[in-house]
Amino acid sequence: MAVKIRDVVNALGADVLSGEDGLDREIGVVISSDLVSDILCCRDEGAFLITGLAKIQILRAAEVIDLIGICFVRGKEPEREIVAYARQTGFPVITTAKTMYETCGRVYQLGAKSGEYIPPHKRE
């Protein structure tokens, strides 16, 4: 059974800030990091991000690697520009008070797969 963003929302008791129409998107893989450089190493399709970095740089990274949604952890509130852009484009953004550790654990229990991390110096 494929894991959907809606499943993550329910498992975390997360708040949906934008992209309600995209909550039934199937998650290909999950990545988690607070480092933009690590996030940019993801090349998997259908990637969903778990992060505590609530700055505009995260949205730029999301565009570059074509993320399907973002979950902000530790009660972080994303910058206004992130939410405004996400609402305009229908991009799913959710937030939870849970730690990154607990969030990743719960999403793993749903059956979501981990994204592959390939450092830039190891790429072909």
N, C-alpha and C. Protein backbone atom coordinates (compact mmCIF):
# COMPACT_ATOMS: atom_id res chain seq x y z
N MET A 1 0.84 -1.19 0.00
CA MET A 1 0.00 0.00 0.00
C MET A 1 0.88 1.25 0.00
N ALA A 2 0.58 2.17 -0.87
CA ALA A 2 1.34 3.40 -0.98
C ALA A 2 0.99 4.35 0.16
N VAL A 3 2.00 5.05 0.64
CA VAL A 3 1.80 6.05 1.69
C VAL A 3 1.49 7.38 1.03
N LYS A 4 0.47 8.04 1.50
CA LYS A 4 0.08 9.35 0.97
C LYS A 4 0.37 10.43 2.00
N ILE A 5 0.45 11.66 1.55
CA ILE A 5 0.69 12.78 2.46
C ILE A 5 -0.40 12.83 3.52
N ARG A 6 -1.62 12.51 3.14
CA ARG A 6 -2.74 12.50 4.10
C ARG A 6 -2.47 11.51 5.25
N ASP A 7 -1.85 10.38 4.94
CA ASP A 7 -1.50 9.39 5.96
C ASP A 7 -0.52 9.99 6.97
N VAL A 8 0.42 10.77 6.47
CA VAL A 8 1.41 11.42 7.33
C VAL A 8 0.71 12.44 8.24
N VAL A 9 -0.17 13.23 7.66
CA VAL A 9 -0.93 14.22 8.44
C VAL A 9 -1.66 13.52 9.58
N ASN A 10 -2.34 12.43 9.27
CA ASN A 10 -3.11 11.71 10.29
C ASN A 10 -2.21 11.09 11.35
N ALA A 11 -1.09 10.48 10.94
CA ALA A 11 -0.20 9.81 11.88
C ALA A 11 0.46 10.80 12.84
N LEU A 12 0.67 12.02 12.37
CA LEU A 12 1.35 13.03 13.18
C LEU A 12 0.39 13.97 13.90
N GLY A 13 -0.87 13.96 13.50
CA GLY A 13 -1.80 14.97 14.01
C GLY A 13 -1.33 16.35 13.56
N ALA A 14 -0.80 16.39 12.34
CA ALA A 14 -0.19 17.62 11.81
C ALA A 14 -1.24 18.63 11.35
N ASP A 15 -0.82 19.88 11.31
CA ASP A 15 -1.64 20.96 10.78
C ASP A 15 -1.28 21.15 9.30
N VAL A 16 -2.30 21.28 8.47
CA VAL A 16 -2.10 21.51 7.04
C VAL A 16 -2.13 23.02 6.80
N LEU A 17 -1.01 23.56 6.32
CA LEU A 17 -0.92 25.00 6.05
C LEU A 17 -1.29 25.34 4.62
N SER A 18 -1.10 24.39 3.71
CA SER A 18 -1.44 24.62 2.31
C SER A 18 -1.49 23.28 1.58
N GLY A 19 -2.05 23.31 0.39
CA GLY A 19 -2.05 22.16 -0.49
C GLY A 19 -3.01 21.05 -0.12
N GLU A 20 -4.16 21.40 0.43
CA GLU A 20 -5.14 20.38 0.82
C GLU A 20 -5.50 19.46 -0.33
N ASP A 21 -5.55 20.01 -1.54
CA ASP A 21 -5.89 19.19 -2.71
C ASP A 21 -4.79 18.19 -3.08
N GLY A 22 -3.58 18.40 -2.55
CA GLY A 22 -2.46 17.50 -2.87
C GLY A 22 -2.19 16.46 -1.81
N LEU A 23 -3.05 16.35 -0.81
CA LEU A 23 -2.79 15.42 0.29
C LEU A 23 -2.91 13.96 -0.11
N ASP A 24 -3.50 13.67 -1.26
CA ASP A 24 -3.61 12.29 -1.71
C ASP A 24 -2.48 11.89 -2.66
N ARG A 25 -1.45 12.75 -2.76
CA ARG A 25 -0.27 12.39 -3.54
C ARG A 25 0.46 11.24 -2.85
N GLU A 26 0.92 10.30 -3.65
CA GLU A 26 1.68 9.17 -3.11
C GLU A 26 3.13 9.57 -2.91
N ILE A 27 3.64 9.23 -1.75
CA ILE A 27 5.03 9.54 -1.41
C ILE A 27 5.92 8.45 -1.98
N GLY A 28 6.86 8.86 -2.82
CA GLY A 28 7.82 7.90 -3.37
C GLY A 28 8.87 7.55 -2.33
N VAL A 29 9.50 8.57 -1.76
CA VAL A 29 10.51 8.40 -0.71
C VAL A 29 10.39 9.58 0.26
N VAL A 30 10.98 9.39 1.43
CA VAL A 30 11.02 10.45 2.43
C VAL A 30 12.48 10.81 2.69
N ILE A 31 12.76 12.09 2.75
CA ILE A 31 14.08 12.56 3.15
C ILE A 31 13.90 13.48 4.34
N SER A 32 14.93 13.54 5.18
CA SER A 32 14.86 14.43 6.33
C SER A 32 16.21 15.06 6.56
N SER A 33 16.22 16.37 6.67
CA SER A 33 17.45 17.10 6.92
C SER A 33 17.13 18.56 7.19
N ASP A 34 18.06 19.21 7.87
CA ASP A 34 17.99 20.65 8.06
C ASP A 34 19.06 21.34 7.23
N LEU A 35 19.77 20.59 6.40
CA LEU A 35 20.84 21.13 5.56
C LEU A 35 20.41 21.13 4.10
N VAL A 36 20.35 22.30 3.51
CA VAL A 36 19.94 22.41 2.11
C VAL A 36 20.86 21.59 1.22
N SER A 37 22.16 21.59 1.51
CA SER A 37 23.10 20.84 0.67
C SER A 37 22.78 19.35 0.67
N ASP A 38 22.35 18.79 1.80
CA ASP A 38 21.96 17.38 1.85
C ASP A 38 20.65 17.14 1.10
N ILE A 39 19.72 18.06 1.24
CA ILE A 39 18.43 17.93 0.57
C ILE A 39 18.62 17.92 -0.95
N LEU A 40 19.51 18.75 -1.42
CA LEU A 40 19.75 18.83 -2.86
C LEU A 40 20.39 17.57 -3.43
N CYS A 41 20.89 16.68 -2.58
CA CYS A 41 21.49 15.42 -3.03
C CYS A 41 20.43 14.38 -3.36
N CYS A 42 19.18 14.63 -3.04
CA CYS A 42 18.11 13.67 -3.33
C CYS A 42 17.74 13.75 -4.80
N ARG A 43 17.71 12.59 -5.43
CA ARG A 43 17.34 12.53 -6.84
C ARG A 43 16.16 11.59 -7.08
N ASP A 44 15.50 11.19 -5.99
CA ASP A 44 14.38 10.27 -6.10
C ASP A 44 13.10 11.00 -6.47
N GLU A 45 12.26 10.35 -7.28
CA GLU A 45 10.97 10.93 -7.64
C GLU A 45 9.98 10.82 -6.49
N GLY A 46 9.11 11.79 -6.39
CA GLY A 46 8.06 11.75 -5.38
C GLY A 46 8.58 11.92 -3.97
N ALA A 47 9.66 12.69 -3.82
CA ALA A 47 10.26 12.87 -2.50
C ALA A 47 9.45 13.84 -1.63
N PHE A 48 9.30 13.45 -0.37
CA PHE A 48 8.62 14.24 0.65
C PHE A 48 9.66 14.58 1.70
N LEU A 49 9.72 15.85 2.10
CA LEU A 49 10.76 16.32 3.01
C LEU A 49 10.24 16.54 4.42
N ILE A 50 11.01 16.06 5.40
CA ILE A 50 10.79 16.35 6.81
C ILE A 50 11.96 17.22 7.25
N THR A 51 11.67 18.42 7.78
CA THR A 51 12.74 19.35 8.12
C THR A 51 12.33 20.31 9.23
N GLY A 52 13.34 20.89 9.84
CA GLY A 52 13.11 21.96 10.82
C GLY A 52 13.57 23.30 10.27
N LEU A 53 14.05 23.30 9.05
CA LEU A 53 14.53 24.54 8.42
C LEU A 53 13.35 25.25 7.77
N ALA A 54 12.85 26.27 8.44
CA ALA A 54 11.63 26.96 8.01
C ALA A 54 11.94 28.26 7.28
N LYS A 55 13.02 28.28 6.54
CA LYS A 55 13.46 29.46 5.80
C LYS A 55 13.17 29.31 4.31
N ILE A 56 13.18 30.40 3.61
CA ILE A 56 12.83 30.43 2.19
C ILE A 56 13.75 29.54 1.35
N GLN A 57 14.99 29.32 1.80
CA GLN A 57 15.92 28.47 1.04
C GLN A 57 15.34 27.07 0.83
N ILE A 58 14.54 26.62 1.77
CA ILE A 58 13.99 25.27 1.68
C ILE A 58 13.02 25.18 0.50
N LEU A 59 12.31 26.25 0.24
CA LEU A 59 11.39 26.27 -0.89
C LEU A 59 12.15 26.23 -2.21
N ARG A 60 13.25 26.94 -2.27
CA ARG A 60 14.08 26.91 -3.49
C ARG A 60 14.61 25.50 -3.73
N ALA A 61 15.05 24.83 -2.66
CA ALA A 61 15.53 23.45 -2.78
C ALA A 61 14.39 22.55 -3.24
N ALA A 62 13.20 22.77 -2.69
CA ALA A 62 12.03 21.97 -3.07
C ALA A 62 11.74 22.08 -4.56
N GLU A 63 11.90 23.27 -5.09
CA GLU A 63 11.68 23.48 -6.53
C GLU A 63 12.74 22.77 -7.36
N VAL A 64 13.98 22.82 -6.91
CA VAL A 64 15.09 22.23 -7.67
C VAL A 64 14.94 20.72 -7.79
N ILE A 65 14.57 20.05 -6.69
CA ILE A 65 14.50 18.59 -6.74
C ILE A 65 13.07 18.07 -6.90
N ASP A 66 12.14 18.98 -7.09
CA ASP A 66 10.75 18.62 -7.38
C ASP A 66 10.09 17.80 -6.26
N LEU A 67 10.17 18.34 -5.04
CA LEU A 67 9.51 17.69 -3.90
C LEU A 67 8.00 17.69 -4.09
N ILE A 68 7.32 16.74 -3.43
CA ILE A 68 5.85 16.72 -3.51
C ILE A 68 5.20 17.33 -2.27
N GLY A 69 6.00 17.63 -1.24
CA GLY A 69 5.47 18.23 -0.03
C GLY A 69 6.54 18.35 1.04
N ILE A 70 6.24 19.15 2.05
CA ILE A 70 7.17 19.39 3.16
C ILE A 70 6.43 19.30 4.48
N CYS A 71 7.09 18.69 5.45
CA CYS A 71 6.61 18.68 6.84
C CYS A 71 7.64 19.39 7.71
N PHE A 72 7.23 20.47 8.35
CA PHE A 72 8.09 21.17 9.30
C PHE A 72 7.86 20.59 10.68
N VAL A 73 8.96 20.30 11.38
CA VAL A 73 8.89 19.66 12.69
C VAL A 73 9.20 20.65 13.81
N ARG A 74 9.07 20.16 15.04
CA ARG A 74 9.38 20.93 16.25
C ARG A 74 8.57 22.22 16.36
N GLY A 75 7.38 22.21 15.79
CA GLY A 75 6.51 23.38 15.89
C GLY A 75 6.99 24.58 15.10
N LYS A 76 7.92 24.38 14.19
CA LYS A 76 8.45 25.49 13.40
C LYS A 76 7.36 26.05 12.49
N GLU A 77 7.31 27.35 12.44
CA GLU A 77 6.39 28.02 11.53
C GLU A 77 7.19 28.55 10.35
N PRO A 78 6.86 28.08 9.15
CA PRO A 78 7.61 28.54 7.98
C PRO A 78 7.41 30.02 7.72
N GLU A 79 8.41 30.62 7.10
CA GLU A 79 8.32 32.03 6.73
C GLU A 79 7.08 32.27 5.87
N ARG A 80 6.55 33.48 5.96
CA ARG A 80 5.31 33.84 5.22
C ARG A 80 5.41 33.56 3.73
N GLU A 81 6.60 33.83 3.16
CA GLU A 81 6.79 33.63 1.72
C GLU A 81 6.58 32.16 1.33
N ILE A 82 6.98 31.26 2.20
CA ILE A 82 6.81 29.83 1.92
C ILE A 82 5.33 29.48 1.85
N VAL A 83 4.60 29.91 2.85
CA VAL A 83 3.17 29.59 2.90
C VAL A 83 2.42 30.28 1.76
N ALA A 84 2.75 31.52 1.47
CA ALA A 84 2.09 32.24 0.38
C ALA A 84 2.32 31.53 -0.96
N TYR A 85 3.56 31.16 -1.22
CA TYR A 85 3.88 30.45 -2.47
C TYR A 85 3.16 29.10 -2.52
N ALA A 86 3.21 28.40 -1.41
CA ALA A 86 2.59 27.07 -1.36
C ALA A 86 1.09 27.16 -1.60
N ARG A 87 0.46 28.16 -1.05
CA ARG A 87 -0.99 28.32 -1.26
C ARG A 87 -1.30 28.66 -2.70
N GLN A 88 -0.45 29.49 -3.32
CA GLN A 88 -0.64 29.86 -4.73
C GLN A 88 -0.52 28.65 -5.64
N THR A 89 0.41 27.78 -5.33
CA THR A 89 0.71 26.66 -6.23
C THR A 89 0.04 25.36 -5.82
N GLY A 90 -0.58 25.32 -4.64
CA GLY A 90 -1.21 24.10 -4.17
C GLY A 90 -0.22 23.10 -3.60
N PHE A 91 0.98 23.57 -3.27
CA PHE A 91 2.04 22.71 -2.74
C PHE A 91 1.75 22.36 -1.28
N PRO A 92 1.69 21.07 -0.94
CA PRO A 92 1.39 20.66 0.43
C PRO A 92 2.49 21.02 1.43
N VAL A 93 2.12 21.78 2.44
CA VAL A 93 3.01 22.11 3.55
C VAL A 93 2.26 21.79 4.84
N ILE A 94 2.89 20.96 5.67
CA ILE A 94 2.28 20.62 6.95
C ILE A 94 3.28 20.91 8.06
N THR A 95 2.78 21.00 9.28
CA THR A 95 3.65 21.26 10.42
C THR A 95 3.19 20.42 11.61
N THR A 96 4.17 20.01 12.41
CA THR A 96 3.89 19.21 13.60
C THR A 96 4.77 19.68 14.75
N ALA A 97 4.28 19.52 15.95
CA ALA A 97 5.07 19.86 17.14
C ALA A 97 6.05 18.75 17.49
N LYS A 98 5.92 17.60 16.85
CA LYS A 98 6.78 16.47 17.16
C LYS A 98 8.22 16.73 16.72
N THR A 99 9.15 16.05 17.36
CA THR A 99 10.56 16.16 16.98
C THR A 99 10.79 15.50 15.63
N MET A 100 11.93 15.78 15.04
CA MET A 100 12.25 15.13 13.77
C MET A 100 12.38 13.62 13.97
N TYR A 101 12.98 13.21 15.06
CA TYR A 101 13.16 11.79 15.36
C TYR A 101 11.81 11.07 15.40
N GLU A 102 10.87 11.61 16.19
CA GLU A 102 9.56 10.98 16.30
C GLU A 102 8.81 11.02 14.97
N THR A 103 8.90 12.14 14.28
CA THR A 103 8.23 12.28 12.99
C THR A 103 8.74 11.23 12.00
N CYS A 104 10.05 11.10 11.90
CA CYS A 104 10.62 10.12 10.98
C CYS A 104 10.20 8.70 11.38
N GLY A 105 10.19 8.43 12.66
CA GLY A 105 9.79 7.11 13.13
C GLY A 105 8.36 6.77 12.77
N ARG A 106 7.48 7.72 12.97
CA ARG A 106 6.06 7.48 12.65
C ARG A 106 5.85 7.32 11.14
N VAL A 107 6.55 8.12 10.36
CA VAL A 107 6.41 8.01 8.90
C VAL A 107 7.01 6.68 8.42
N TYR A 108 8.09 6.26 9.03
CA TYR A 108 8.68 4.95 8.70
C TYR A 108 7.69 3.83 9.01
N GLN A 109 7.01 3.93 10.14
CA GLN A 109 6.04 2.91 10.52
C GLN A 109 4.87 2.82 9.54
N LEU A 110 4.60 3.91 8.85
CA LEU A 110 3.55 3.88 7.83
C LEU A 110 3.96 3.04 6.61
N GLY A 111 5.25 2.81 6.48
CA GLY A 111 5.76 2.04 5.35
C GLY A 111 6.45 2.87 4.29
N ALA A 112 6.69 4.14 4.56
CA ALA A 112 7.37 5.00 3.59
C ALA A 112 8.83 4.58 3.46
N LYS A 113 9.35 4.72 2.26
CA LYS A 113 10.74 4.35 1.98
C LYS A 113 11.65 5.57 2.13
N SER A 114 12.89 5.29 2.47
CA SER A 114 13.89 6.34 2.63
C SER A 114 14.48 6.71 1.27
N GLY A 115 14.73 8.00 1.10
CA GLY A 115 15.41 8.46 -0.11
C GLY A 115 16.88 8.10 -0.03
N GLU A 116 17.51 7.97 -1.19
CA GLU A 116 18.92 7.63 -1.23
C GLU A 116 19.75 8.90 -1.20
N TYR A 117 20.76 8.91 -0.35
CA TYR A 117 21.66 10.05 -0.26
C TYR A 117 22.93 9.72 -1.02
N ILE A 118 23.19 10.47 -2.08
CA ILE A 118 24.42 10.27 -2.85
C ILE A 118 25.19 11.58 -2.81
N PRO A 119 26.28 11.62 -2.04
CA PRO A 119 27.07 12.85 -1.96
C PRO A 119 27.58 13.27 -3.33
N PRO A 120 27.73 14.56 -3.55
CA PRO A 120 28.16 15.06 -4.86
C PRO A 120 29.47 14.42 -5.35
N HIS A 121 30.40 14.14 -4.46
CA HIS A 121 31.68 13.58 -4.89
C HIS A 121 31.60 12.10 -5.29
N LYS A 122 30.44 11.47 -5.05
CA LYS A 122 30.27 10.05 -5.40
C LYS A 122 29.36 9.85 -6.61
N ARG A 123 28.89 10.93 -7.20
CA ARG A 123 28.02 10.81 -8.38
C ARG A 123 28.83 10.51 -9.62
N GLU A 124 28.16 9.90 -10.57
CA GLU A 124 28.84 9.56 -11.83
C GLU A 124 29.12 10.78 -12.65
